[in-house]
PDB file of all heavy atoms in Angstrom:
ATOM      1  N   VAL A   1     -89.161 122.279  35.304  1.00  0.00           N
ATOM      2  CA  VAL A   1     -89.290 122.426  33.860  1.00  0.00           C
ATOM      3  C   VAL A   1     -88.190 123.376  33.394  1.00  0.00           C
ATOM      4  O   VAL A   1     -87.978 124.426  33.995  1.00  0.00           O
ATOM      5  CB  VAL A   1     -90.684 122.995  33.498  1.00  0.00           C
ATOM      6  CG1 VAL A   1     -90.818 123.197  32.007  1.00  0.00           C
ATOM      7  CG2 VAL A   1     -91.786 122.086  34.010  1.00  0.00           C
ATOM      8  N   VAL A   2     -87.507 122.993  32.326  1.00  0.00           N
ATOM      9  CA  VAL A   2     -86.459 123.867  31.813  1.00  0.00           C
ATOM     10  C   VAL A   2     -87.115 125.127  31.254  1.00  0.00           C
ATOM     11  O   VAL A   2     -88.215 125.069  30.689  1.00  0.00           O
ATOM     12  CB  VAL A   2     -85.596 123.173  30.736  1.00  0.00           C
ATOM     13  CG1 VAL A   2     -84.809 122.022  31.332  1.00  0.00           C
ATOM     14  CG2 VAL A   2     -86.425 122.706  29.575  1.00  0.00           C
ATOM     15  N   PRO A   3     -86.475 126.281  31.417  1.00  0.00           N
ATOM     16  CA  PRO A   3     -87.087 127.544  31.009  1.00  0.00           C
ATOM     17  C   PRO A   3     -87.523 127.593  29.541  1.00  0.00           C
ATOM     18  O   PRO A   3     -88.568 128.153  29.225  1.00  0.00           O
ATOM     19  CB  PRO A   3     -85.998 128.577  31.297  1.00  0.00           C
ATOM     20  CG  PRO A   3     -85.206 127.981  32.407  1.00  0.00           C
ATOM     21  CD  PRO A   3     -85.208 126.500  32.140  1.00  0.00           C
ATOM     22  N   GLY A   4     -86.753 127.011  28.642  1.00  0.00           N
ATOM     23  CA  GLY A   4     -87.128 127.027  27.218  1.00  0.00           C
ATOM     24  C   GLY A   4     -88.448 126.322  26.966  1.00  0.00           C
ATOM     25  O   GLY A   4     -89.304 126.810  26.229  1.00  0.00           O
ATOM     26  N   ALA A   5     -88.627 125.157  27.590  1.00  0.00           N
ATOM     27  CA  ALA A   5     -89.880 124.409  27.424  1.00  0.00           C
ATOM     28  C   ALA A   5     -91.037 125.163  28.065  1.00  0.00           C
ATOM     29  O   ALA A   5     -92.132 125.256  27.497  1.00  0.00           O
ATOM     30  CB  ALA A   5     -89.745 123.015  28.031  1.00  0.00           C
ATOM     31  N   ALA A   6     -90.784 125.710  29.259  1.00  0.00           N
ATOM     32  CA  ALA A   6     -91.839 126.454  29.948  1.00  0.00           C
ATOM     33  C   ALA A   6     -92.250 127.680  29.137  1.00  0.00           C
ATOM     34  O   ALA A   6     -93.442 127.982  29.009  1.00  0.00           O
ATOM     35  CB  ALA A   6     -91.374 126.869  31.339  1.00  0.00           C
ATOM     36  N   LEU A   7     -91.287 128.373  28.549  1.00  0.00           N
ATOM     37  CA  LEU A   7     -91.587 129.551  27.747  1.00  0.00           C
ATOM     38  C   LEU A   7     -92.398 129.170  26.513  1.00  0.00           C
ATOM     39  O   LEU A   7     -93.366 129.858  26.159  1.00  0.00           O
ATOM     40  CB  LEU A   7     -90.297 130.265  27.348  1.00  0.00           C
ATOM     41  CG  LEU A   7     -90.473 131.535  26.529  1.00  0.00           C
ATOM     42  CD1 LEU A   7     -91.253 132.590  27.308  1.00  0.00           C
ATOM     43  CD2 LEU A   7     -89.118 132.082  26.096  1.00  0.00           C
ATOM     44  N   ALA A   8     -92.027 128.068  25.861  1.00  0.00           N
ATOM     45  CA  ALA A   8     -92.768 127.619  24.674  1.00  0.00           C
ATOM     46  C   ALA A   8     -94.217 127.288  25.044  1.00  0.00           C
ATOM     47  O   ALA A   8     -95.157 127.675  24.345  1.00  0.00           O
ATOM     48  CB  ALA A   8     -92.074 126.407  24.053  1.00  0.00           C
ATOM     49  N   VAL A   9     -94.395 126.568  26.153  1.00  0.00           N
ATOM     50  CA  VAL A   9     -95.750 126.225  26.594  1.00  0.00           C
ATOM     51  C   VAL A   9     -96.512 127.491  26.964  1.00  0.00           C
ATOM     52  O   VAL A   9     -97.676 127.670  26.594  1.00  0.00           O
ATOM     53  CB  VAL A   9     -95.717 125.228  27.782  1.00  0.00           C
ATOM     54  CG1 VAL A   9     -97.097 125.054  28.393  1.00  0.00           C
ATOM     55  CG2 VAL A   9     -95.165 123.887  27.322  1.00  0.00           C
ATOM     56  N   LEU A  10     -95.868 128.377  27.681  1.00  0.00           N
ATOM     57  CA  LEU A  10     -96.496 129.624  28.117  1.00  0.00           C
ATOM     58  C   LEU A  10     -96.949 130.476  26.929  1.00  0.00           C
ATOM     59  O   LEU A  10     -98.080 130.970  26.904  1.00  0.00           O
ATOM     60  CB  LEU A  10     -95.520 130.405  28.988  1.00  0.00           C
ATOM     61  CG  LEU A  10     -96.084 131.390  29.978  1.00  0.00           C
ATOM     62  CD1 LEU A  10     -97.055 130.720  30.928  1.00  0.00           C
ATOM     63  CD2 LEU A  10     -94.949 132.027  30.767  1.00  0.00           C
ATOM     64  N   LEU A  11     -96.093 130.634  25.933  1.00  0.00           N
ATOM     65  CA  LEU A  11     -96.461 131.413  24.751  1.00  0.00           C
ATOM     66  C   LEU A  11     -97.604 130.761  23.981  1.00  0.00           C
ATOM     67  O   LEU A  11     -98.539 131.442  23.532  1.00  0.00           O
ATOM     68  CB  LEU A  11     -95.248 131.612  23.843  1.00  0.00           C
ATOM     69  CG  LEU A  11     -94.159 132.545  24.370  1.00  0.00           C
ATOM     70  CD1 LEU A  11     -92.956 132.550  23.426  1.00  0.00           C
ATOM     71  CD2 LEU A  11     -94.693 133.950  24.582  1.00  0.00           C
ATOM     72  N   GLY A  12     -97.541 129.446  23.834  1.00  0.00           N
ATOM     73  CA  GLY A  12     -98.610 128.733  23.135  1.00  0.00           C
ATOM     74  C   GLY A  12     -99.949 128.834  23.855  1.00  0.00           C
ATOM     75  O   GLY A  12    -100.990 129.062  23.234  1.00  0.00           O
ATOM     76  N   VAL A  13     -99.895 128.702  25.176  1.00  0.00           N
ATOM     77  CA  VAL A  13    -101.130 128.784  25.954  1.00  0.00           C
ATOM     78  C   VAL A  13    -101.707 130.197  25.905  1.00  0.00           C
ATOM     79  O   VAL A  13    -102.915 130.378  25.787  1.00  0.00           O
ATOM     80  CB  VAL A  13    -100.888 128.317  27.407  1.00  0.00           C
ATOM     81  CG1 VAL A  13    -102.032 128.690  28.316  1.00  0.00           C
ATOM     82  CG2 VAL A  13    -100.678 126.811  27.435  1.00  0.00           C
ATOM     83  N   TRP A  14    -100.845 131.218  25.959  1.00  0.00           N
ATOM     84  CA  TRP A  14    -101.351 132.587  25.898  1.00  0.00           C
ATOM     85  C   TRP A  14    -101.904 132.925  24.517  1.00  0.00           C
ATOM     86  O   TRP A  14    -102.869 133.672  24.396  1.00  0.00           O
ATOM     87  CB  TRP A  14    -100.295 133.590  26.354  1.00  0.00           C
ATOM     88  CG  TRP A  14    -100.404 133.766  27.836  1.00  0.00           C
ATOM     89  CD1 TRP A  14     -99.733 133.068  28.791  1.00  0.00           C
ATOM     90  CD2 TRP A  14    -101.293 134.648  28.516  1.00  0.00           C
ATOM     91  NE1 TRP A  14    -100.144 133.476  30.042  1.00  0.00           N
ATOM     92  CE2 TRP A  14    -101.099 134.451  29.905  1.00  0.00           C
ATOM     93  CE3 TRP A  14    -102.226 135.588  28.112  1.00  0.00           C
ATOM     94  CZ2 TRP A  14    -101.809 135.153  30.865  1.00  0.00           C
ATOM     95  CZ3 TRP A  14    -102.935 136.294  29.068  1.00  0.00           C
ATOM     96  CH2 TRP A  14    -102.723 136.075  30.426  1.00  0.00           C
ATOM     97  N   ALA A  15    -101.329 132.368  23.460  1.00  0.00           N
ATOM     98  CA  ALA A  15    -101.909 132.546  22.119  1.00  0.00           C
ATOM     99  C   ALA A  15    -103.300 131.919  22.091  1.00  0.00           C
ATOM    100  O   ALA A  15    -104.258 132.509  21.583  1.00  0.00           O
ATOM    101  CB  ALA A  15    -101.005 131.925  21.058  1.00  0.00           C
ATOM    102  N   PHE A  16    -103.409 130.717  22.652  1.00  0.00           N
ATOM    103  CA  PHE A  16    -104.713 130.060  22.761  1.00  0.00           C
ATOM    104  C   PHE A  16    -105.664 130.906  23.599  1.00  0.00           C
ATOM    105  O   PHE A  16    -106.819 131.109  23.228  1.00  0.00           O
ATOM    106  CB  PHE A  16    -104.554 128.668  23.386  1.00  0.00           C
ATOM    107  CG  PHE A  16    -105.869 128.040  23.762  1.00  0.00           C
ATOM    108  CD1 PHE A  16    -106.644 127.391  22.810  1.00  0.00           C
ATOM    109  CD2 PHE A  16    -106.336 128.110  25.061  1.00  0.00           C
ATOM    110  CE1 PHE A  16    -107.863 126.831  23.154  1.00  0.00           C
ATOM    111  CE2 PHE A  16    -107.553 127.540  25.419  1.00  0.00           C
ATOM    112  CZ  PHE A  16    -108.321 126.903  24.462  1.00  0.00           C
ATOM    113  N   ASN A  17    -105.198 131.402  24.749  1.00  0.00           N
ATOM    114  CA  ASN A  17    -106.048 132.168  25.659  1.00  0.00           C
ATOM    115  C   ASN A  17    -106.655 133.393  24.977  1.00  0.00           C
ATOM    116  O   ASN A  17    -107.851 133.659  25.112  1.00  0.00           O
ATOM    117  CB  ASN A  17    -105.257 132.634  26.885  1.00  0.00           C
ATOM    118  CG  ASN A  17    -104.843 131.494  27.780  1.00  0.00           C
ATOM    119  OD1 ASN A  17    -105.340 130.381  27.686  1.00  0.00           O
ATOM    120  ND2 ASN A  17    -103.891 131.765  28.653  1.00  0.00           N
ATOM    121  N   LEU A  18    -105.826 134.155  24.276  1.00  0.00           N
ATOM    122  CA  LEU A  18    -106.317 135.372  23.645  1.00  0.00           C
ATOM    123  C   LEU A  18    -107.274 135.070  22.492  1.00  0.00           C
ATOM    124  O   LEU A  18    -108.295 135.736  22.334  1.00  0.00           O
ATOM    125  CB  LEU A  18    -105.143 136.237  23.179  1.00  0.00           C
ATOM    126  CG  LEU A  18    -104.238 136.739  24.309  1.00  0.00           C
ATOM    127  CD1 LEU A  18    -103.051 137.493  23.745  1.00  0.00           C
ATOM    128  CD2 LEU A  18    -105.009 137.582  25.309  1.00  0.00           C
ATOM    129  N   GLY A  19    -106.960 134.061  21.713  1.00  0.00           N
ATOM    130  CA  GLY A  19    -107.883 133.649  20.648  1.00  0.00           C
ATOM    131  C   GLY A  19    -109.176 133.099  21.211  1.00  0.00           C
ATOM    132  O   GLY A  19    -110.273 133.409  20.723  1.00  0.00           O
ATOM    133  N   HIS A  20    -109.062 132.298  22.245  1.00  0.00           N
ATOM    134  CA  HIS A  20    -110.238 131.720  22.877  1.00  0.00           C
ATOM    135  C   HIS A  20    -111.154 132.800  23.439  1.00  0.00           C
ATOM    136  O   HIS A  20    -112.373 132.726  23.316  1.00  0.00           O
ATOM    137  CB  HIS A  20    -109.816 130.760  24.000  1.00  0.00           C
ATOM    138  CG  HIS A  20    -110.970 130.145  24.703  1.00  0.00           C
ATOM    139  ND1 HIS A  20    -111.571 130.745  25.790  1.00  0.00           N
ATOM    140  CD2 HIS A  20    -111.652 129.004  24.469  1.00  0.00           C
ATOM    141  CE1 HIS A  20    -112.571 129.989  26.201  1.00  0.00           C
ATOM    142  NE2 HIS A  20    -112.642 128.932  25.411  1.00  0.00           N
ATOM    143  N   LEU A  21    -110.565 133.812  24.058  1.00  0.00           N
ATOM    144  CA  LEU A  21    -111.373 134.895  24.621  1.00  0.00           C
ATOM    145  C   LEU A  21    -112.172 135.599  23.519  1.00  0.00           C
ATOM    146  O   LEU A  21    -113.335 135.945  23.713  1.00  0.00           O
ATOM    147  CB  LEU A  21    -110.488 135.889  25.376  1.00  0.00           C
ATOM    148  CG  LEU A  21    -111.217 137.022  26.091  1.00  0.00           C
ATOM    149  CD1 LEU A  21    -112.253 136.495  27.077  1.00  0.00           C
ATOM    150  CD2 LEU A  21    -110.214 137.922  26.799  1.00  0.00           C
ATOM    151  N   GLY A  22    -111.577 135.779  22.349  1.00  0.00           N
ATOM    152  CA  GLY A  22    -112.301 136.352  21.211  1.00  0.00           C
ATOM    153  C   GLY A  22    -113.477 135.488  20.796  1.00  0.00           C
ATOM    154  O   GLY A  22    -114.575 135.996  20.521  1.00  0.00           O
ATOM    155  N   PHE A  23    -113.282 134.158  20.751  1.00  0.00           N
ATOM    156  CA  PHE A  23    -114.388 133.248  20.421  1.00  0.00           C
ATOM    157  C   PHE A  23    -115.488 133.322  21.480  1.00  0.00           C
ATOM    158  O   PHE A  23    -116.671 133.369  21.168  1.00  0.00           O
ATOM    159  CB  PHE A  23    -113.904 131.797  20.333  1.00  0.00           C
ATOM    160  CG  PHE A  23    -112.994 131.512  19.182  1.00  0.00           C
ATOM    161  CD1 PHE A  23    -111.898 130.672  19.348  1.00  0.00           C
ATOM    162  CD2 PHE A  23    -113.207 132.048  17.927  1.00  0.00           C
ATOM    163  CE1 PHE A  23    -111.052 130.387  18.294  1.00  0.00           C
ATOM    164  CE2 PHE A  23    -112.362 131.776  16.867  1.00  0.00           C
ATOM    165  CZ  PHE A  23    -111.284 130.939  17.053  1.00  0.00           C
ATOM    166  N   LEU A  24    -115.074 133.324  22.722  1.00  0.00           N
ATOM    167  CA  LEU A  24    -116.023 133.339  23.841  1.00  0.00           C
ATOM    168  C   LEU A  24    -116.875 134.602  23.824  1.00  0.00           C
ATOM    169  O   LEU A  24    -118.101 134.542  23.952  1.00  0.00           O
ATOM    170  CB  LEU A  24    -115.248 133.227  25.158  1.00  0.00           C
ATOM    171  CG  LEU A  24    -116.066 133.068  26.419  1.00  0.00           C
ATOM    172  CD1 LEU A  24    -116.634 131.658  26.493  1.00  0.00           C
ATOM    173  CD2 LEU A  24    -115.203 133.347  27.632  1.00  0.00           C
ATOM    174  N   LEU A  25    -116.243 135.758  23.642  1.00  0.00           N
ATOM    175  CA  LEU A  25    -116.983 137.017  23.647  1.00  0.00           C
ATOM    176  C   LEU A  25    -117.868 137.154  22.411  1.00  0.00           C
ATOM    177  O   LEU A  25    -118.961 137.719  22.483  1.00  0.00           O
ATOM    178  CB  LEU A  25    -116.027 138.202  23.773  1.00  0.00           C
ATOM    179  CG  LEU A  25    -115.237 138.256  25.086  1.00  0.00           C
ATOM    180  CD1 LEU A  25    -114.303 139.460  25.099  1.00  0.00           C
ATOM    181  CD2 LEU A  25    -116.138 138.247  26.301  1.00  0.00           C
ATOM    182  N   GLN A  26    -117.435 136.615  21.276  1.00  0.00           N
ATOM    183  CA  GLN A  26    -118.283 136.624  20.076  1.00  0.00           C
ATOM    184  C   GLN A  26    -119.529 135.770  20.315  1.00  0.00           C
ATOM    185  O   GLN A  26    -120.627 136.156  19.933  1.00  0.00           O
ATOM    186  CB  GLN A  26    -117.510 136.109  18.858  1.00  0.00           C
ATOM    187  CG  GLN A  26    -118.336 136.027  17.588  1.00  0.00           C
ATOM    188  CD  GLN A  26    -118.787 137.372  17.071  1.00  0.00           C
ATOM    189  OE1 GLN A  26    -118.185 138.397  17.364  1.00  0.00           O
ATOM    190  NE2 GLN A  26    -119.839 137.389  16.288  1.00  0.00           N
ATOM    191  N   CYS A  27    -119.357 134.641  20.950  1.00  0.00           N
ATOM    192  CA  CYS A  27    -120.499 133.775  21.265  1.00  0.00           C
ATOM    193  C   CYS A  27    -121.461 134.507  22.196  1.00  0.00           C
ATOM    194  O   CYS A  27    -122.684 134.475  22.001  1.00  0.00           O
ATOM    195  CB  CYS A  27    -119.998 132.478  21.903  1.00  0.00           C
ATOM    196  SG  CYS A  27    -121.263 131.225  22.114  1.00  0.00           S
ATOM    197  N   LEU A  28    -120.933 135.189  23.191  1.00  0.00           N
ATOM    198  CA  LEU A  28    -121.760 135.967  24.113  1.00  0.00           C
ATOM    199  C   LEU A  28    -122.493 137.087  23.382  1.00  0.00           C
ATOM    200  O   LEU A  28    -123.675 137.345  23.633  1.00  0.00           O
ATOM    201  CB  LEU A  28    -120.888 136.534  25.237  1.00  0.00           C
ATOM    202  CG  LEU A  28    -121.598 137.258  26.365  1.00  0.00           C
ATOM    203  CD1 LEU A  28    -122.601 136.334  27.059  1.00  0.00           C
ATOM    204  CD2 LEU A  28    -120.576 137.782  27.367  1.00  0.00           C
ATOM    205  N   LYS A  29    -121.809 137.743  22.448  1.00  0.00           N
ATOM    206  CA  LYS A  29    -122.445 138.799  21.651  1.00  0.00           C
ATOM    207  C   LYS A  29    -123.601 138.234  20.834  1.00  0.00           C
ATOM    208  O   LYS A  29    -124.670 138.842  20.742  1.00  0.00           O
ATOM    209  CB  LYS A  29    -121.407 139.445  20.731  1.00  0.00           C
ATOM    210  CG  LYS A  29    -121.961 140.550  19.865  1.00  0.00           C
ATOM    211  CD  LYS A  29    -120.872 141.116  18.963  1.00  0.00           C
ATOM    212  CE  LYS A  29    -121.459 142.175  18.050  1.00  0.00           C
ATOM    213  NZ  LYS A  29    -120.723 142.266  16.795  1.00  0.00           N
ATOM    214  N   GLN A  30    -123.405 137.067  20.247  1.00  0.00           N
ATOM    215  CA  GLN A  30    -124.462 136.447  19.453  1.00  0.00           C
ATOM    216  C   GLN A  30    -125.658 136.080  20.325  1.00  0.00           C
ATOM    217  O   GLN A  30    -126.812 136.268  19.915  1.00  0.00           O
ATOM    218  CB  GLN A  30    -123.913 135.215  18.727  1.00  0.00           C
ATOM    219  CG  GLN A  30    -122.927 135.583  17.643  1.00  0.00           C
ATOM    220  CD  GLN A  30    -122.142 134.393  17.125  1.00  0.00           C
ATOM    221  OE1 GLN A  30    -122.200 133.297  17.644  1.00  0.00           O
ATOM    222  NE2 GLN A  30    -121.357 134.637  16.073  1.00  0.00           N
ATOM    223  N   ILE A  31    -125.404 135.600  21.528  1.00  0.00           N
ATOM    224  CA  ILE A  31    -126.503 135.298  22.457  1.00  0.00           C
ATOM    225  C   ILE A  31    -127.263 136.582  22.783  1.00  0.00           C
ATOM    226  O   ILE A  31    -128.502 136.602  22.781  1.00  0.00           O
ATOM    227  CB  ILE A  31    -125.973 134.623  23.737  1.00  0.00           C
ATOM    228  CG1 ILE A  31    -125.460 133.217  23.431  1.00  0.00           C
ATOM    229  CG2 ILE A  31    -127.053 134.574  24.820  1.00  0.00           C
ATOM    230  CD1 ILE A  31    -124.686 132.568  24.576  1.00  0.00           C
ATOM    231  N   ASN A  32    -126.539 137.670  23.062  1.00  0.00           N
ATOM    232  CA  ASN A  32    -127.184 138.949  23.374  1.00  0.00           C
ATOM    233  C   ASN A  32    -128.043 139.447  22.207  1.00  0.00           C
ATOM    234  O   ASN A  32    -129.152 139.943  22.407  1.00  0.00           O
ATOM    235  CB  ASN A  32    -126.143 140.007  23.741  1.00  0.00           C
ATOM    236  CG  ASN A  32    -125.477 139.733  25.070  1.00  0.00           C
ATOM    237  OD1 ASN A  32    -125.988 138.992  25.896  1.00  0.00           O
ATOM    238  ND2 ASN A  32    -124.317 140.316  25.272  1.00  0.00           N
ATOM    239  N   GLU A  33    -127.530 139.337  20.985  1.00  0.00           N
ATOM    240  CA  GLU A  33    -128.277 139.790  19.816  1.00  0.00           C
ATOM    241  C   GLU A  33    -129.516 138.933  19.580  1.00  0.00           C
ATOM    242  O   GLU A  33    -130.585 139.458  19.258  1.00  0.00           O
ATOM    243  CB  GLU A  33    -127.380 139.781  18.578  1.00  0.00           C
ATOM    244  CG  GLU A  33    -126.321 140.861  18.608  1.00  0.00           C
ATOM    245  CD  GLU A  33    -125.303 140.746  17.493  1.00  0.00           C
ATOM    246  OE1 GLU A  33    -125.204 139.666  16.849  1.00  0.00           O
ATOM    247  OE2 GLU A  33    -124.582 141.731  17.262  1.00  0.00           O
TER     248      GLU A  33
END
């Protein structure tokens, strides 16, 4: 994979990962409450 494409995918996936983790932990908090 050319580095530019890999970097674009990597940045996009990490943006998804961090946002997803916020959704996941909020869902867990709601279950706890």
